[in-house]
Protein backbone atom coordinates (compact mmCIF):
# COMPACT_ATOMS: atom_id res chain seq x y z
CA UNK A 1 0.00 0.00 0.00
CA UNK A 2 1.13 3.56 -0.35
CA UNK A 3 3.85 4.34 2.16
CA UNK A 4 2.52 7.82 2.80
CA UNK A 5 -1.09 6.69 2.91
CA UNK A 6 -3.05 7.41 6.03
CA UNK A 7 -4.28 4.39 7.98
CA UNK A 8 -7.66 2.95 7.03
CA UNK A 9 -9.83 0.92 9.34
CA UNK A 10 -11.00 -2.57 8.47
CA UNK A 11 -14.66 -3.01 7.63
CA UNK A 12 -15.53 -4.94 10.78
CA UNK A 13 -12.56 -3.80 12.81
CA UNK A 14 -12.26 -0.60 14.76
CA UNK A 15 -15.04 1.76 13.76
CA UNK A 16 -16.05 5.14 14.99
CA UNK A 17 -14.41 8.48 14.94
CA UNK A 18 -11.21 7.56 13.16
CA UNK A 19 -9.86 10.55 11.27
CA UNK A 20 -7.40 10.39 8.43
CA UNK A 21 -5.04 13.17 7.53
CA UNK A 22 -4.06 14.05 4.00
CA UNK A 23 -0.33 13.90 3.29
CA UNK A 24 1.58 17.13 2.75
CA UNK A 25 2.30 16.23 -0.88
CA UNK A 26 -0.74 14.97 -2.80
CA UNK A 27 -0.47 11.67 -4.63
CA UNK A 28 0.01 11.77 -8.38
CA UNK A 29 -2.41 9.87 -10.59
CA UNK A 30 0.36 7.47 -11.61
CA UNK A 31 1.13 6.73 -7.93
CA UNK A 32 -2.53 5.92 -7.35
CA UNK A 33 -2.67 3.68 -10.42
CA UNK A 34 0.55 1.87 -9.43
CA UNK A 35 -0.61 1.16 -5.89
CA UNK A 36 -4.02 -0.29 -6.76
CA UNK A 37 -4.49 -3.68 -8.38
CA UNK A 38 -8.04 -2.70 -9.34
CA UNK A 39 -8.32 0.20 -11.80
CA UNK A 40 -11.67 0.17 -13.58
CA UNK A 41 -14.19 2.39 -15.29
CA UNK A 42 -17.50 1.55 -13.67
CA UNK A 43 -21.06 2.63 -13.19
CA UNK A 44 -22.41 2.55 -9.64
CA UNK A 45 -25.33 0.10 -9.87
CA UNK A 46 -26.34 0.35 -6.21
CA UNK A 47 -25.14 1.50 -2.83
CA UNK A 48 -25.43 -0.53 0.37
CA UNK A 49 -25.13 1.26 3.71
CA UNK A 50 -23.39 -0.79 6.41
CA UNK A 51 -25.12 -0.15 9.72
CA UNK A 52 -23.31 -0.41 13.05
CA UNK A 53 -25.22 0.46 16.20
CA UNK A 54 -21.94 1.02 18.08
CA UNK A 55 -20.81 3.70 15.62
CA UNK A 56 -21.66 7.28 16.72
CA UNK A 57 -23.28 7.96 13.32
CA UNK A 58 -24.79 4.46 13.08
CA UNK A 59 -22.91 3.73 9.85
CA UNK A 60 -19.61 1.89 9.54
CA UNK A 61 -19.34 2.40 5.78
CA UNK A 62 -20.79 1.83 2.34
CA UNK A 63 -20.48 -0.90 -0.25
CA UNK A 64 -20.67 0.27 -3.84
CA UNK A 65 -21.89 -2.38 -6.28
CA UNK A 66 -20.24 -1.59 -9.60
CA UNK A 67 -20.93 -2.61 -13.17
CA UNK A 68 -17.44 -2.61 -14.66
CA UNK A 69 -17.42 -1.10 -18.12
CA UNK A 70 -13.66 -1.35 -18.61
CA UNK A 71 -10.97 -3.06 -16.56
CA UNK A 72 -7.70 -1.31 -17.35
CA UNK A 73 -5.50 -4.06 -15.92
CA UNK A 74 -7.35 -7.26 -16.87
CA UNK A 75 -9.73 -6.30 -19.68
CA UNK A 76 -12.71 -8.09 -18.13
CA UNK A 77 -16.13 -6.52 -17.75
CA UNK A 78 -17.69 -7.78 -14.55
CA UNK A 79 -19.42 -6.77 -11.36
CA UNK A 80 -17.47 -5.68 -8.30
CA UNK A 81 -18.31 -4.66 -4.77
CA UNK A 82 -15.97 -2.09 -3.21
CA UNK A 83 -16.28 -0.48 0.17
CA UNK A 84 -15.57 2.87 1.72
CA UNK A 85 -15.31 3.25 5.49
CA UNK A 86 -17.19 5.95 7.34
CA UNK A 87 -14.23 8.17 8.16
CA UNK A 88 -13.51 11.79 7.39
CA UNK A 89 -11.57 10.56 4.37
CA UNK A 90 -14.34 8.38 2.96
CA UNK A 91 -15.03 8.26 -0.75
CA UNK A 92 -18.63 9.06 -1.71
CA UNK A 93 -19.89 7.87 -5.08
CA UNK A 94 -23.35 8.46 -6.55
CA UNK A 95 -25.67 5.79 -7.91
CA UNK A 96 -25.94 5.58 -11.71
CA UNK A 97 -22.81 7.74 -12.21
CA UNK A 98 -19.59 6.57 -13.89
CA UNK A 99 -16.18 6.79 -12.25
CA UNK A 100 -12.68 5.50 -12.64
CA UNK A 101 -12.33 3.48 -9.45
CA UNK A 102 -9.04 2.63 -7.73
CA UNK A 103 -9.23 -0.15 -5.14
CA UNK A 104 -7.11 -2.64 -3.26
CA UNK A 105 -7.73 -5.36 -0.67
CA UNK A 106 -7.96 -4.28 2.95
CA UNK A 107 -6.90 -6.33 5.98
CA UNK A 108 -10.17 -8.25 5.80
CA UNK A 109 -9.63 -9.14 2.13
CA UNK A 110 -12.40 -6.88 0.81
CA UNK A 111 -11.89 -4.41 -2.00
CA UNK A 112 -11.68 -0.91 -0.62
CA UNK A 113 -11.57 2.49 -2.27
CA UNK A 114 -8.88 4.74 -0.89
CA UNK A 115 -9.13 8.51 -0.69
CA UNK A 116 -5.79 9.89 -1.83
CA UNK A 117 -6.61 13.54 -1.18
CA UNK A 118 -6.27 13.95 -4.93
CA UNK A 119 -8.86 15.06 -7.46
CA UNK A 120 -9.19 11.49 -8.75
CA UNK A 121 -10.80 9.61 -5.81
CA UNK A 122 -14.37 10.82 -6.42
CA UNK A 123 -14.13 12.39 -9.85
CA UNK A 124 -16.79 11.36 -12.33
CA UNK A 125 -15.59 9.72 -15.53
CA UNK A 126 -13.90 11.96 -18.08
CA UNK A 127 -12.12 10.88 -21.25
CA UNK A 128 -9.13 13.07 -20.36
CA UNK A 129 -8.68 11.31 -17.01
CA UNK A 130 -8.98 7.93 -18.74
CA UNK A 131 -6.21 8.94 -21.16
CA UNK A 132 -3.98 9.83 -18.21
CA UNK A 133 -4.71 6.47 -16.52
CA UNK A 134 -3.81 4.62 -19.73
CA UNK A 135 -0.57 6.63 -19.99
CA UNK A 136 0.29 5.72 -16.38
CA UNK A 137 -0.33 2.03 -17.10
CA UNK A 138 1.79 2.24 -20.25
CA UNK A 139 4.63 3.83 -18.25
CA UNK A 140 4.23 1.16 -15.56
CA UNK A 141 4.65 -1.61 -18.15
CA UNK A 142 7.81 -0.03 -19.57
CA UNK A 143 9.26 0.59 -16.12
CA UNK A 144 9.07 4.39 -16.20
CA UNK A 145 7.85 6.42 -13.24
CA UNK A 146 5.67 9.51 -13.72
C-alpha cells in the first residue's frame, strides 16, 4: 500500500471516529494507479449502507456495487463490490454515475476504495482522465515512473 497513505480501518474492525489526515504532498495519478491492483471504469449500480449500532453515526461504511465497463488491468467486464469506510476521508460515489475506481484489498480481504486527497478519488468519468490512466499504465509496463 502507499507508504505515505493514512491508515484505514477494516470493515468490521475498529469503527467510529477515526480521522485520516491528508499527506503534505498529494499523490500523483500514476502513484494511485501503481498502488491499486483494481483500476476500472465503472457505473455505480447500487449502494449498500453498512449499519453499526456502536458507531456514533450508526454507519460503519458503504459498499458500492459496480458494473465494470472497462478493466484497465485485466480487460474483463464484470461486477465488483468495493467499500468505503465511514471516516472523514471516505469516498462518496453516486448511484448511476460513472467513475474511474481505484481499489485494493484491505486487511479483511475486501476491495476498498482509498481517498488519496487527490482530485481522482471521487471524480466522475472523463475521457481526459482515462487517457492519463492509460498513460500511467503504459509507463508502468515499460518501467518508467511519472
